[in-house]
Each structure stands twice: as structure tokens, then as C-alpha cells.
Amino acid sequence: MYNFVTMNIEPYIAQLLYRYQCVTVPGFGAFLTEIQSAQLIESSNSFFPPKKMISFNAHLKNNDGLLANHIAQAEKTSYEYAISAIQYEVFNWKKALLENGLFSIKNVGNFSLNADKNLIFTPYDQTNYLTNSFGLSAFVSPLVKREIFEQKIEALEENEVIEFIPEIRRTSAYLKYVAIFVLGLGITVAVGYPVYQQQIANETIIVEQSVQKQVQNKIQEATFFIENPVPASLPAVTLTVKEQKLSYHIMAGAFREEKNAQKAFQKLSNEGYKARRIPQNKYGLFPVLYGSYATFAEAEKASQEIQKTDNPDAWILIESL
């Protein structure tokens, strides 16, 4: 007689997707999230707020402790009991896939098998796991109707008769004298302006020569009379370059004893990996990494190579370190 632990773990997966970028179901795969910006679909006048897009990676099956610890705390039970509940639920999922070819995780998405027996994941779009978009929902705006005023203007132009009455102006005699004065002033300016320009140019040359002479005197004085000579050697200046934080890491393992973590770190370093140790996590474990990468594509390529040659259980941790 076997005692199976039954528990619906689906709500706990959904709860963690609000808080984390990666939620792993041990023995089954990992749900990954990516933020998508707000969208406008002009053809339907639809507006959509920013949201978290969910994808699934069947290769990330190793237990990182996140889901099991969350279930244990929520159900007020032991970590081992939570692990057993996850294993039994995964067993039921795989059985449903074999028997029916599909199954669903509420508010997360649907799973099915294609003709080649490969797992296909279709996310559930109605739930937005981005907390910054809480309370925002998609909406459709009514089409803005713009009235055409050109027709009204044309109608007004046809009906309205505009009469132009020529204005009779009387030219006073004093305008003639004003014109003569302006003409004389223009002639004076035309003759006197070049003379004024030449005077300005001469004064500018004199000022420039005086300034140049003062500059030469200062240069000579600085050459022969240096009051505070520069020391022969200057103290070294150390430039600190801020280390770039990387978000994708290949996990080698997490150890309860720090000395075991140090041994694993030393072994990986000797084998040529850019191994890292990160601080003790909230579960009391000491994680050790094969290495860290700037993009998910680089991390996935490296993890596949490590899984083939060194550790089939290596998996990708997504966290800014």
C-alpha cells in the first residue's frame, strides 16, 4: 500500500509568477517571464497595458527550492512533504498528457503534445502578472469622427458676395519733403559707412597687437620664473571601474555546508570554468555557479554544453548579481 501526497500546486505557481522571473517545477520544467511594453492596435482602436509574457522551458527541471519552500510555508507543512506533493502532481500532469494529449494549469496556460510528441505551451493571456500594471485593463476606444468643414466653407463662399470698394487716398505735400530727406540720408550713410569700417579695423589691429605682446610676456615669465615646479613623480591614481551586473547564471549546485560549496567552487575553477560563489540564500544554502552571462542566449548555449560534458542537472538561474 502506497501513500500518495495529493495537493493542488497550481495556485502557488501563479502566486510566484507575480514576484519572480523564473518559477521552476522540479522534474517538469520552468516558467519564464518577460515584460512587454504597452501596445496600441490601430486597426481595432485597442489599448493594452504593460504585462508579463510567460514562456516555458522544459530543460530547466532541477529543483531550486523556490516552489517547495513557498508551498511549505503556505500550507504550514514540511519541505519534504511539499516536494512529495510536487512530484505527485507532476506525475498526474504527465499521465494526462499521455492519455489525453493535453492538460491546463489554471491562470497560467495550456500544455499539449504535437505530432512529434514534443511539449507545446500556450500561455493564458487573460491574467497580467506585472504588479506595476495592477488595476489596468485593455480597452477599446470609439472611433473619433472628424467633421469636414471644407464643404461648409465652399457653401459660404458661393452665397456670400464680397464687394471691393477702392479707397481714395490724398497725398499730402509734406510726404515729398520726407522722401527727399530719406534719400539724402541714404547717400550720407553710403559714403560714410566704409570710412567707419576702416577706422574700426585699424583699432582692432592695435588691440590685437597689444594683447599678443602681453601674452608673449606672460609666456616668457612662465618659462623662466616658475614658483611652484611640478614634482618629478606624481602619486598613482587608481580608477575604479564599476563591475557590470549579470542576470543569467548556470547553477552547479547549492550546498548546506559552506566547506562543500568551497570544494565545488575550487574544482570548477581548476577545470577552467569562471566559477562563482554567491552569498547564502534565504533557504540556508550556499550556491555555486559555473559562470554568469549577460544574455539568456549565451547562458542557454553554455548550459547545453555543460549538460552534455559535465553535469546533466545544470540549470539557469535568472537573477541580477
C-alpha atoms as a PDB file:
ATOM      1  CA  MET A   1       0.000   0.000   0.000  1.00  0.00           C
ATOM      2  CA  TYR A   2       1.477   3.377  -1.088  1.00  0.00           C
ATOM      3  CA  ASN A   3       0.600   6.700   0.461  1.00  0.00           C
ATOM      4  CA  PHE A   4       0.473   9.436  -2.213  1.00  0.00           C
ATOM      5  CA  VAL A   5       0.513  13.097  -1.266  1.00  0.00           C
ATOM      6  CA  THR A   6      -2.214  14.993  -3.110  1.00  0.00           C
ATOM      7  CA  MET A   7      -2.190  18.780  -3.335  1.00  0.00           C
ATOM      8  CA  ASN A   8      -3.141  21.319  -5.976  1.00  0.00           C
ATOM      9  CA  ILE A   9       0.069  23.259  -6.595  1.00  0.00           C
ATOM     10  CA  GLU A  10      -1.292  25.360  -9.486  1.00  0.00           C
ATOM     11  CA  PRO A  11      -2.304  28.417  -7.361  1.00  0.00           C
ATOM     12  CA  TYR A  12       1.198  28.557  -5.851  1.00  0.00           C
ATOM     13  CA  ILE A  13       2.802  28.656  -9.292  1.00  0.00           C
ATOM     14  CA  ALA A  14       0.561  31.589 -10.222  1.00  0.00           C
ATOM     15  CA  GLN A  15       1.391  33.401  -6.959  1.00  0.00           C
ATOM     16  CA  LEU A  16       5.152  33.131  -7.585  1.00  0.00           C
ATOM     17  CA  LEU A  17       4.857  34.399 -11.158  1.00  0.00           C
ATOM     18  CA  TYR A  18       3.831  37.806  -9.753  1.00  0.00           C
ATOM     19  CA  ARG A  19       7.116  38.035  -7.816  1.00  0.00           C
ATOM     20  CA  TYR A  20       9.793  36.182  -9.796  1.00  0.00           C
ATOM     21  CA  GLN A  21      11.128  35.949 -13.339  1.00  0.00           C
ATOM     22  CA  CYS A  22      11.582  32.178 -13.181  1.00  0.00           C
ATOM     23  CA  VAL A  23       9.433  29.572 -11.376  1.00  0.00           C
ATOM     24  CA  THR A  24      10.717  26.005 -11.695  1.00  0.00           C
ATOM     25  CA  VAL A  25       8.540  22.917 -11.219  1.00  0.00           C
ATOM     26  CA  PRO A  26      11.075  20.179 -10.309  1.00  0.00           C
ATOM     27  CA  GLY A  27      11.030  17.278 -12.766  1.00  0.00           C
ATOM     28  CA  PHE A  28       8.799  19.114 -15.257  1.00  0.00           C
ATOM     29  CA  GLY A  29      10.219  22.485 -16.411  1.00  0.00           C
ATOM     30  CA  ALA A  30      10.383  26.222 -15.697  1.00  0.00           C
ATOM     31  CA  PHE A  31       8.029  29.135 -16.383  1.00  0.00           C
ATOM     32  CA  LEU A  32       9.914  32.252 -17.536  1.00  0.00           C
ATOM     33  CA  THR A  33       8.524  35.794 -17.660  1.00  0.00           C
ATOM     34  CA  GLU A  34       9.439  38.773 -19.837  1.00  0.00           C
ATOM     35  CA  ILE A  35       7.974  42.290 -19.589  1.00  0.00           C
ATOM     36  CA  GLN A  36       6.139  43.553 -22.691  1.00  0.00           C
ATOM     37  CA  SER A  37       5.501  47.303 -23.027  1.00  0.00           C
ATOM     38  CA  ALA A  38       2.078  48.855 -23.588  1.00  0.00           C
ATOM     39  CA  GLN A  39       0.547  48.294 -27.021  1.00  0.00           C
ATOM     40  CA  LEU A  40      -1.828  50.131 -29.346  1.00  0.00           C
ATOM     41  CA  ILE A  41      -3.565  48.270 -32.171  1.00  0.00           C
ATOM     42  CA  GLU A  42      -4.765  50.983 -34.542  1.00  0.00           C
ATOM     43  CA  SER A  43      -6.883  48.690 -36.713  1.00  0.00           C
ATOM     44  CA  SER A  44      -9.222  47.942 -33.798  1.00  0.00           C
ATOM     45  CA  ASN A  45      -8.566  51.088 -31.654  1.00  0.00           C
ATOM     46  CA  SER A  46      -7.479  48.761 -28.815  1.00  0.00           C
ATOM     47  CA  PHE A  47      -5.137  49.690 -25.966  1.00  0.00           C
ATOM     48  CA  PHE A  48      -3.250  47.109 -23.847  1.00  0.00           C
ATOM     49  CA  PRO A  49      -1.256  47.924 -20.642  1.00  0.00           C
ATOM     50  CA  PRO A  50       2.292  46.605 -19.987  1.00  0.00           C
ATOM     51  CA  LYS A  51       2.293  42.939 -18.966  1.00  0.00           C
ATOM     52  CA  LYS A  52       4.445  39.920 -18.194  1.00  0.00           C
ATOM     53  CA  MET A  53       4.667  37.448 -21.075  1.00  0.00           C
ATOM     54  CA  ILE A  54       5.016  33.812 -19.904  1.00  0.00           C
ATOM     55  CA  SER A  55       7.061  31.154 -21.712  1.00  0.00           C
ATOM     56  CA  PHE A  56       8.085  27.605 -20.767  1.00  0.00           C
ATOM     57  CA  ASN A  57      11.460  25.836 -20.862  1.00  0.00           C
ATOM     58  CA  ALA A  58      11.275  22.046 -20.481  1.00  0.00           C
ATOM     59  CA  HIS A  59      15.064  21.766 -19.967  1.00  0.00           C
ATOM     60  CA  LEU A  60      15.091  23.638 -16.624  1.00  0.00           C
ATOM     61  CA  LYS A  61      13.923  20.841 -14.337  1.00  0.00           C
ATOM     62  CA  ASN A  62      16.341  20.994 -11.408  1.00  0.00           C
ATOM     63  CA  ASN A  63      14.869  21.893  -8.021  1.00  0.00           C
ATOM     64  CA  ASP A  64      15.876  25.384  -6.881  1.00  0.00           C
ATOM     65  CA  GLY A  65      13.746  25.166  -3.727  1.00  0.00           C
ATOM     66  CA  LEU A  66      11.590  28.203  -4.557  1.00  0.00           C
ATOM     67  CA  LEU A  67       8.260  26.445  -5.210  1.00  0.00           C
ATOM     68  CA  ALA A  68       8.700  23.803  -2.494  1.00  0.00           C
ATOM     69  CA  ASN A  69       9.548  26.350   0.208  1.00  0.00           C
ATOM     70  CA  HIS A  70       6.628  28.566  -0.829  1.00  0.00           C
ATOM     71  CA  ILE A  71       4.214  25.615  -0.580  1.00  0.00           C
ATOM     72  CA  ALA A  72       5.663  24.518   2.761  1.00  0.00           C
ATOM     73  CA  GLN A  73       5.187  27.997   4.250  1.00  0.00           C
ATOM     74  CA  ALA A  74       1.692  28.468   2.818  1.00  0.00           C
ATOM     75  CA  GLU A  75       0.474  25.020   3.894  1.00  0.00           C
ATOM     76  CA  LYS A  76       2.414  25.135   7.195  1.00  0.00           C
ATOM     77  CA  THR A  77       3.981  21.777   6.436  1.00  0.00           C
ATOM     78  CA  SER A  78       7.484  20.363   5.925  1.00  0.00           C
ATOM     79  CA  TYR A  79       9.746  20.929   2.949  1.00  0.00           C
ATOM     80  CA  GLU A  80       9.844  17.170   2.272  1.00  0.00           C
ATOM     81  CA  TYR A  81       6.041  16.974   2.214  1.00  0.00           C
ATOM     82  CA  ALA A  82       5.937  19.837  -0.326  1.00  0.00           C
ATOM     83  CA  ILE A  83       8.490  18.039  -2.532  1.00  0.00           C
ATOM     84  CA  SER A  84       6.359  14.882  -2.470  1.00  0.00           C
ATOM     85  CA  ALA A  85       3.242  16.882  -3.392  1.00  0.00           C
ATOM     86  CA  ILE A  86       5.048  18.455  -6.371  1.00  0.00           C
ATOM     87  CA  GLN A  87       6.308  15.066  -7.583  1.00  0.00           C
ATOM     88  CA  TYR A  88       2.850  13.509  -7.435  1.00  0.00           C
ATOM     89  CA  GLU A  89       1.267  16.489  -9.239  1.00  0.00           C
ATOM     90  CA  VAL A  90       3.913  16.284 -11.997  1.00  0.00           C
ATOM     91  CA  PHE A  91       3.165  12.565 -12.296  1.00  0.00           C
ATOM     92  CA  ASN A  92      -0.530  13.371 -12.871  1.00  0.00           C
ATOM     93  CA  TRP A  93       0.348  16.051 -15.473  1.00  0.00           C
ATOM     94  CA  LYS A  94       2.490  13.654 -17.482  1.00  0.00           C
ATOM     95  CA  LYS A  95      -0.187  10.963 -17.231  1.00  0.00           C
ATOM     96  CA  ALA A  96      -2.821  13.416 -18.565  1.00  0.00           C
ATOM     97  CA  LEU A  97      -0.533  14.289 -21.479  1.00  0.00           C
ATOM     98  CA  LEU A  98      -0.059  10.636 -22.403  1.00  0.00           C
ATOM     99  CA  GLU A  99      -3.751   9.782 -22.089  1.00  0.00           C
ATOM    100  CA  ASN A 100      -5.427  12.945 -23.410  1.00  0.00           C
ATOM    101  CA  GLY A 101      -2.641  14.770 -25.218  1.00  0.00           C
ATOM    102  CA  LEU A 102      -3.234  17.953 -23.202  1.00  0.00           C
ATOM    103  CA  PHE A 103      -3.841  19.496 -19.775  1.00  0.00           C
ATOM    104  CA  SER A 104      -4.187  23.015 -18.298  1.00  0.00           C
ATOM    105  CA  ILE A 105      -2.712  24.952 -15.375  1.00  0.00           C
ATOM    106  CA  LYS A 106      -5.288  27.455 -14.188  1.00  0.00           C
ATOM    107  CA  ASN A 107      -4.435  31.114 -14.953  1.00  0.00           C
ATOM    108  CA  VAL A 108      -1.058  30.048 -16.390  1.00  0.00           C
ATOM    109  CA  GLY A 109      -1.573  28.190 -19.678  1.00  0.00           C
ATOM    110  CA  ASN A 110      -2.271  25.004 -21.612  1.00  0.00           C
ATOM    111  CA  PHE A 111       0.072  22.119 -22.477  1.00  0.00           C
ATOM    112  CA  SER A 112      -0.274  19.752 -25.412  1.00  0.00           C
ATOM    113  CA  LEU A 113       1.781  17.319 -27.499  1.00  0.00           C
ATOM    114  CA  ASN A 114       2.412  17.828 -31.198  1.00  0.00           C
ATOM    115  CA  ALA A 115       2.778  15.080 -33.820  1.00  0.00           C
ATOM    116  CA  ASP A 116       6.421  14.547 -32.792  1.00  0.00           C
ATOM    117  CA  LYS A 117       5.441  14.173 -29.114  1.00  0.00           C
ATOM    118  CA  ASN A 118       7.084  17.486 -28.245  1.00  0.00           C
ATOM    119  CA  LEU A 119       5.578  19.579 -25.436  1.00  0.00           C
ATOM    120  CA  ILE A 120       3.777  22.748 -26.613  1.00  0.00           C
ATOM    121  CA  PHE A 121       2.888  25.543 -24.146  1.00  0.00           C
ATOM    122  CA  THR A 122       0.194  28.157 -24.843  1.00  0.00           C
ATOM    123  CA  PRO A 123       0.095  30.938 -22.194  1.00  0.00           C
ATOM    124  CA  TYR A 124      -3.169  32.215 -20.703  1.00  0.00           C
ATOM    125  CA  ASP A 125      -3.394  35.851 -21.830  1.00  0.00           C
ATOM    126  CA  GLN A 126      -6.216  36.981 -19.537  1.00  0.00           C
ATOM    127  CA  THR A 127      -4.037  37.242 -16.400  1.00  0.00           C
ATOM    128  CA  ASN A 128      -1.420  40.017 -16.117  1.00  0.00           C
ATOM    129  CA  TYR A 129       1.376  39.070 -13.687  1.00  0.00           C
ATOM    130  CA  LEU A 130       3.033  42.513 -13.820  1.00  0.00           C
ATOM    131  CA  THR A 131       2.285  44.137 -10.444  1.00  0.00           C
ATOM    132  CA  ASN A 132       3.019  47.641 -11.797  1.00  0.00           C
ATOM    133  CA  SER A 133       0.010  47.251 -14.098  1.00  0.00           C
ATOM    134  CA  PHE A 134      -2.384  46.300 -11.286  1.00  0.00           C
ATOM    135  CA  GLY A 135      -5.846  47.704 -11.965  1.00  0.00           C
ATOM    136  CA  LEU A 136      -5.103  48.447 -15.631  1.00  0.00           C
ATOM    137  CA  SER A 137      -7.104  46.577 -18.244  1.00  0.00           C
ATOM    138  CA  ALA A 138      -7.350  46.576 -22.023  1.00  0.00           C
ATOM    139  CA  PHE A 139      -9.988  48.816 -23.570  1.00  0.00           C
ATOM    140  CA  VAL A 140     -11.319  49.783 -26.972  1.00  0.00           C
ATOM    141  CA  SER A 141     -11.748  53.464 -27.799  1.00  0.00           C
ATOM    142  CA  PRO A 142     -14.621  54.555 -30.070  1.00  0.00           C
ATOM    143  CA  LEU A 143     -13.500  55.909 -33.405  1.00  0.00           C
ATOM    144  CA  VAL A 144     -13.010  59.671 -33.338  1.00  0.00           C
ATOM    145  CA  LYS A 145     -15.255  61.237 -36.003  1.00  0.00           C
ATOM    146  CA  ARG A 146     -13.949  64.407 -37.567  1.00  0.00           C
ATOM    147  CA  GLU A 147     -16.456  66.720 -39.323  1.00  0.00           C
ATOM    148  CA  ILE A 148     -15.499  68.036 -42.714  1.00  0.00           C
ATOM    149  CA  PHE A 149     -15.728  71.831 -42.716  1.00  0.00           C
ATOM    150  CA  GLU A 150     -14.497  72.336 -46.256  1.00  0.00           C
ATOM    151  CA  GLN A 151     -17.977  71.838 -47.686  1.00  0.00           C
ATOM    152  CA  LYS A 152     -19.452  74.455 -45.341  1.00  0.00           C
ATOM    153  CA  ILE A 153     -16.734  76.925 -46.315  1.00  0.00           C
ATOM    154  CA  GLU A 154     -17.402  76.370 -50.007  1.00  0.00           C
ATOM    155  CA  ALA A 155     -21.124  76.940 -49.432  1.00  0.00           C
ATOM    156  CA  LEU A 156     -20.403  80.209 -47.636  1.00  0.00           C
ATOM    157  CA  GLU A 157     -18.141  81.367 -50.441  1.00  0.00           C
ATOM    158  CA  GLU A 158     -20.842  80.693 -53.018  1.00  0.00           C
ATOM    159  CA  ASN A 159     -23.544  82.556 -51.104  1.00  0.00           C
ATOM    160  CA  GLU A 160     -21.559  85.491 -49.749  1.00  0.00           C
ATOM    161  CA  VAL A 161     -20.835  88.333 -52.138  1.00  0.00           C
ATOM    162  CA  ILE A 162     -17.789  90.369 -51.209  1.00  0.00           C
ATOM    163  CA  GLU A 163     -17.626  93.887 -52.643  1.00  0.00           C
ATOM    164  CA  PHE A 164     -14.301  95.643 -53.018  1.00  0.00           C
ATOM    165  CA  ILE A 165     -14.571  99.433 -52.773  1.00  0.00           C
ATOM    166  CA  PRO A 166     -11.390 101.223 -53.798  1.00  0.00           C
ATOM    167  CA  GLU A 167     -10.107 103.631 -51.170  1.00  0.00           C
ATOM    168  CA  ILE A 168      -9.326 107.155 -52.207  1.00  0.00           C
ATOM    169  CA  ARG A 169      -6.204 108.470 -50.501  1.00  0.00           C
ATOM    170  CA  ARG A 170      -4.966 112.015 -50.529  1.00  0.00           C
ATOM    171  CA  THR A 171      -1.252 112.510 -50.632  1.00  0.00           C
ATOM    172  CA  SER A 172      -0.080 115.411 -48.551  1.00  0.00           C
ATOM    173  CA  ALA A 173       2.628 117.755 -49.784  1.00  0.00           C
ATOM    174  CA  TYR A 174       4.884 117.060 -46.777  1.00  0.00           C
ATOM    175  CA  LEU A 175       5.493 113.464 -47.962  1.00  0.00           C
ATOM    176  CA  LYS A 176       7.560 114.825 -50.820  1.00  0.00           C
ATOM    177  CA  TYR A 177       9.938 116.504 -48.373  1.00  0.00           C
ATOM    178  CA  VAL A 178      10.184 113.349 -46.286  1.00  0.00           C
ATOM    179  CA  ALA A 179      11.215 111.369 -49.377  1.00  0.00           C
ATOM    180  CA  ILE A 180      13.934 113.928 -50.220  1.00  0.00           C
ATOM    181  CA  PHE A 181      15.281 113.765 -46.644  1.00  0.00           C
ATOM    182  CA  VAL A 182      15.422 109.949 -46.652  1.00  0.00           C
ATOM    183  CA  LEU A 183      17.251 109.920 -49.987  1.00  0.00           C
ATOM    184  CA  GLY A 184      19.863 112.376 -48.697  1.00  0.00           C
ATOM    185  CA  LEU A 185      20.350 110.363 -45.531  1.00  0.00           C
ATOM    186  CA  GLY A 186      20.938 107.191 -47.592  1.00  0.00           C
ATOM    187  CA  ILE A 187      23.650 108.879 -49.671  1.00  0.00           C
ATOM    188  CA  THR A 188      25.412 110.078 -46.497  1.00  0.00           C
ATOM    189  CA  VAL A 189      25.370 106.601 -44.968  1.00  0.00           C
ATOM    190  CA  ALA A 190      26.634 105.009 -48.197  1.00  0.00           C
ATOM    191  CA  VAL A 191      29.650 107.346 -48.250  1.00  0.00           C
ATOM    192  CA  GLY A 192      30.438 107.372 -44.524  1.00  0.00           C
ATOM    193  CA  TYR A 193      29.995 103.658 -43.688  1.00  0.00           C
ATOM    194  CA  PRO A 194      33.211 102.434 -45.451  1.00  0.00           C
ATOM    195  CA  VAL A 195      35.239 105.114 -43.627  1.00  0.00           C
ATOM    196  CA  TYR A 196      33.730 103.943 -40.304  1.00  0.00           C
ATOM    197  CA  GLN A 197      34.551 100.303 -41.104  1.00  0.00           C
ATOM    198  CA  GLN A 198      38.195 101.165 -41.860  1.00  0.00           C
ATOM    199  CA  GLN A 199      38.505 103.009 -38.537  1.00  0.00           C
ATOM    200  CA  ILE A 200      37.125 100.010 -36.623  1.00  0.00           C
ATOM    201  CA  ALA A 201      39.545  97.665 -38.429  1.00  0.00           C
ATOM    202  CA  ASN A 202      42.568  99.863 -37.507  1.00  0.00           C
ATOM    203  CA  GLU A 203      41.576  99.983 -33.842  1.00  0.00           C
ATOM    204  CA  THR A 204      41.061  96.194 -33.804  1.00  0.00           C
ATOM    205  CA  ILE A 205      44.608  95.592 -35.130  1.00  0.00           C
ATOM    206  CA  ILE A 206      46.078  97.846 -32.415  1.00  0.00           C
ATOM    207  CA  VAL A 207      44.192  95.976 -29.650  1.00  0.00           C
ATOM    208  CA  GLU A 208      45.217  92.573 -31.011  1.00  0.00           C
ATOM    209  CA  GLN A 209      48.901  93.603 -31.149  1.00  0.00           C
ATOM    210  CA  SER A 210      48.741  94.794 -27.533  1.00  0.00           C
ATOM    211  CA  VAL A 211      47.115  91.568 -26.340  1.00  0.00           C
ATOM    212  CA  GLN A 212      49.658  89.448 -28.261  1.00  0.00           C
ATOM    213  CA  LYS A 213      52.541  91.339 -26.648  1.00  0.00           C
ATOM    214  CA  GLN A 214      51.084  90.731 -23.159  1.00  0.00           C
ATOM    215  CA  VAL A 215      50.666  87.029 -23.930  1.00  0.00           C
ATOM    216  CA  GLN A 216      54.299  86.731 -25.046  1.00  0.00           C
ATOM    217  CA  ASN A 217      55.458  88.445 -21.838  1.00  0.00           C
ATOM    218  CA  LYS A 218      53.400  86.016 -19.723  1.00  0.00           C
ATOM    219  CA  ILE A 219      54.828  83.023 -21.635  1.00  0.00           C
ATOM    220  CA  GLN A 220      58.399  84.251 -21.094  1.00  0.00           C
ATOM    221  CA  GLU A 221      57.754  84.868 -17.401  1.00  0.00           C
ATOM    222  CA  ALA A 222      56.224  81.416 -17.006  1.00  0.00           C
ATOM    223  CA  THR A 223      59.238  79.875 -18.771  1.00  0.00           C
ATOM    224  CA  PHE A 224      61.958  81.340 -16.549  1.00  0.00           C
ATOM    225  CA  PHE A 225      60.186  82.067 -13.259  1.00  0.00           C
ATOM    226  CA  ILE A 226      58.189  79.001 -12.146  1.00  0.00           C
ATOM    227  CA  GLU A 227      57.296  79.490  -8.498  1.00  0.00           C
ATOM    228  CA  ASN A 228      55.769  76.037  -7.868  1.00  0.00           C
ATOM    229  CA  PRO A 229      57.538  73.432 -10.018  1.00  0.00           C
ATOM    230  CA  VAL A 230      55.688  70.177 -10.717  1.00  0.00           C
ATOM    231  CA  PRO A 231      57.179  67.252  -8.760  1.00  0.00           C
ATOM    232  CA  ALA A 232      59.143  64.692 -10.774  1.00  0.00           C
ATOM    233  CA  SER A 233      56.840  61.855  -9.889  1.00  0.00           C
ATOM    234  CA  LEU A 234      53.093  62.001  -9.225  1.00  0.00           C
ATOM    235  CA  PRO A 235      51.241  59.564  -6.967  1.00  0.00           C
ATOM    236  CA  ALA A 236      49.492  56.791  -8.858  1.00  0.00           C
ATOM    237  CA  VAL A 237      45.798  57.334  -9.454  1.00  0.00           C
ATOM    238  CA  THR A 238      43.601  54.288  -9.132  1.00  0.00           C
ATOM    239  CA  LEU A 239      40.490  54.217 -11.312  1.00  0.00           C
ATOM    240  CA  THR A 240      37.669  52.087 -10.066  1.00  0.00           C
ATOM    241  CA  VAL A 241      35.517  50.540 -12.792  1.00  0.00           C
ATOM    242  CA  LYS A 242      32.068  49.559 -11.669  1.00  0.00           C
ATOM    243  CA  GLU A 243      31.502  45.884 -12.353  1.00  0.00           C
ATOM    244  CA  GLN A 244      28.609  45.133 -14.665  1.00  0.00           C
ATOM    245  CA  LYS A 245      25.872  43.082 -13.081  1.00  0.00           C
ATOM    246  CA  LEU A 246      24.948  39.922 -14.980  1.00  0.00           C
ATOM    247  CA  SER A 247      21.461  38.405 -14.894  1.00  0.00           C
ATOM    248  CA  TYR A 248      21.859  34.851 -16.230  1.00  0.00           C
ATOM    249  CA  HIS A 249      23.857  32.227 -14.324  1.00  0.00           C
ATOM    250  CA  ILE A 250      24.431  28.467 -14.697  1.00  0.00           C
ATOM    251  CA  MET A 251      23.849  26.782 -11.353  1.00  0.00           C
ATOM    252  CA  ALA A 252      26.255  23.979 -10.420  1.00  0.00           C
ATOM    253  CA  GLY A 253      24.642  23.252  -7.060  1.00  0.00           C
ATOM    254  CA  ALA A 254      23.551  24.607  -3.674  1.00  0.00           C
ATOM    255  CA  PHE A 255      25.159  23.158  -0.530  1.00  0.00           C
ATOM    256  CA  ARG A 256      24.091  23.168   3.092  1.00  0.00           C
ATOM    257  CA  GLU A 257      27.749  23.117   4.249  1.00  0.00           C
ATOM    258  CA  GLU A 258      29.895  26.065   3.178  1.00  0.00           C
ATOM    259  CA  LYS A 259      33.033  23.907   3.043  1.00  0.00           C
ATOM    260  CA  ASN A 260      31.374  21.685   0.437  1.00  0.00           C
ATOM    261  CA  ALA A 261      30.466  24.747  -1.606  1.00  0.00           C
ATOM    262  CA  GLN A 262      34.102  25.903  -1.459  1.00  0.00           C
ATOM    263  CA  LYS A 263      35.330  22.471  -2.631  1.00  0.00           C
ATOM    264  CA  ALA A 264      32.925  22.558  -5.587  1.00  0.00           C
ATOM    265  CA  PHE A 265      33.994  26.114  -6.439  1.00  0.00           C
ATOM    266  CA  GLN A 266      37.695  25.140  -6.358  1.00  0.00           C
ATOM    267  CA  LYS A 267      37.077  22.056  -8.514  1.00  0.00           C
ATOM    268  CA  LEU A 268      35.216  24.051 -11.197  1.00  0.00           C
ATOM    269  CA  SER A 269      37.889  26.772 -11.178  1.00  0.00           C
ATOM    270  CA  ASN A 270      40.623  24.141 -11.688  1.00  0.00           C
ATOM    271  CA  GLU A 271      38.662  22.729 -14.626  1.00  0.00           C
ATOM    272  CA  GLY A 272      38.741  26.121 -16.375  1.00  0.00           C
ATOM    273  CA  TYR A 273      35.231  27.406 -15.585  1.00  0.00           C
ATOM    274  CA  LYS A 274      34.706  31.020 -14.485  1.00  0.00           C
ATOM    275  CA  ALA A 275      33.114  29.691 -11.331  1.00  0.00           C
ATOM    276  CA  ARG A 276      31.482  31.936  -8.739  1.00  0.00           C
ATOM    277  CA  ARG A 277      30.139  31.637  -5.241  1.00  0.00           C
ATOM    278  CA  ILE A 278      27.204  33.797  -4.250  1.00  0.00           C
ATOM    279  CA  PRO A 279      26.062  34.621  -0.697  1.00  0.00           C
ATOM    280  CA  GLN A 280      23.968  32.211   1.327  1.00  0.00           C
ATOM    281  CA  ASN A 281      20.336  32.346   0.174  1.00  0.00           C
ATOM    282  CA  LYS A 282      17.243  32.647   2.338  1.00  0.00           C
ATOM    283  CA  TYR A 283      16.907  28.834   2.467  1.00  0.00           C
ATOM    284  CA  GLY A 284      20.277  28.475   4.203  1.00  0.00           C
ATOM    285  CA  LEU A 285      22.071  27.086   1.132  1.00  0.00           C
ATOM    286  CA  PHE A 286      25.415  28.134  -0.376  1.00  0.00           C
ATOM    287  CA  PRO A 287      25.046  28.290  -4.214  1.00  0.00           C
ATOM    288  CA  VAL A 288      27.947  27.698  -6.623  1.00  0.00           C
ATOM    289  CA  LEU A 289      27.838  28.837 -10.276  1.00  0.00           C
ATOM    290  CA  TYR A 290      29.621  27.561 -13.367  1.00  0.00           C
ATOM    291  CA  GLY A 291      29.611  31.149 -14.653  1.00  0.00           C
ATOM    292  CA  SER A 292      27.492  34.243 -15.359  1.00  0.00           C
ATOM    293  CA  TYR A 293      26.304  35.714 -18.672  1.00  0.00           C
ATOM    294  CA  ALA A 294      24.821  38.952 -19.956  1.00  0.00           C
ATOM    295  CA  THR A 295      22.121  37.371 -22.156  1.00  0.00           C
ATOM    296  CA  PHE A 296      19.852  34.344 -21.892  1.00  0.00           C
ATOM    297  CA  ALA A 297      21.058  33.064 -25.286  1.00  0.00           C
ATOM    298  CA  GLU A 298      24.678  32.903 -24.072  1.00  0.00           C
ATOM    299  CA  ALA A 299      23.666  31.175 -20.850  1.00  0.00           C
ATOM    300  CA  GLU A 300      21.467  28.635 -22.660  1.00  0.00           C
ATOM    301  CA  LYS A 301      24.245  27.743 -25.122  1.00  0.00           C
ATOM    302  CA  ALA A 302      26.761  27.267 -22.296  1.00  0.00           C
ATOM    303  CA  SER A 303      24.296  25.236 -20.183  1.00  0.00           C
ATOM    304  CA  GLN A 304      23.648  22.813 -23.049  1.00  0.00           C
ATOM    305  CA  GLU A 305      27.394  22.215 -23.401  1.00  0.00           C
ATOM    306  CA  ILE A 306      27.797  21.707 -19.637  1.00  0.00           C
ATOM    307  CA  GLN A 307      24.825  19.307 -19.541  1.00  0.00           C
ATOM    308  CA  LYS A 308      26.464  17.202 -22.288  1.00  0.00           C
ATOM    309  CA  THR A 309      30.002  17.142 -20.911  1.00  0.00           C
ATOM    310  CA  ASP A 310      29.893  17.659 -17.146  1.00  0.00           C
ATOM    311  CA  ASN A 311      26.532  17.913 -15.354  1.00  0.00           C
ATOM    312  CA  PRO A 312      23.147  16.898 -16.842  1.00  0.00           C
ATOM    313  CA  ASP A 313      21.364  18.683 -13.958  1.00  0.00           C
ATOM    314  CA  ALA A 314      22.917  22.120 -14.579  1.00  0.00           C
ATOM    315  CA  TRP A 315      20.246  24.807 -14.928  1.00  0.00           C
ATOM    316  CA  ILE A 316      19.933  28.565 -15.495  1.00  0.00           C
ATOM    317  CA  LEU A 317      19.290  30.993 -12.618  1.00  0.00           C
ATOM    318  CA  ILE A 318      17.811  34.356 -13.658  1.00  0.00           C
ATOM    319  CA  GLU A 319      18.740  36.994 -11.095  1.00  0.00           C
ATOM    320  CA  SER A 320      20.770  40.230 -11.156  1.00  0.00           C
ATOM    321  CA  LEU A 321      24.028  39.527  -9.288  1.00  0.00           C
END
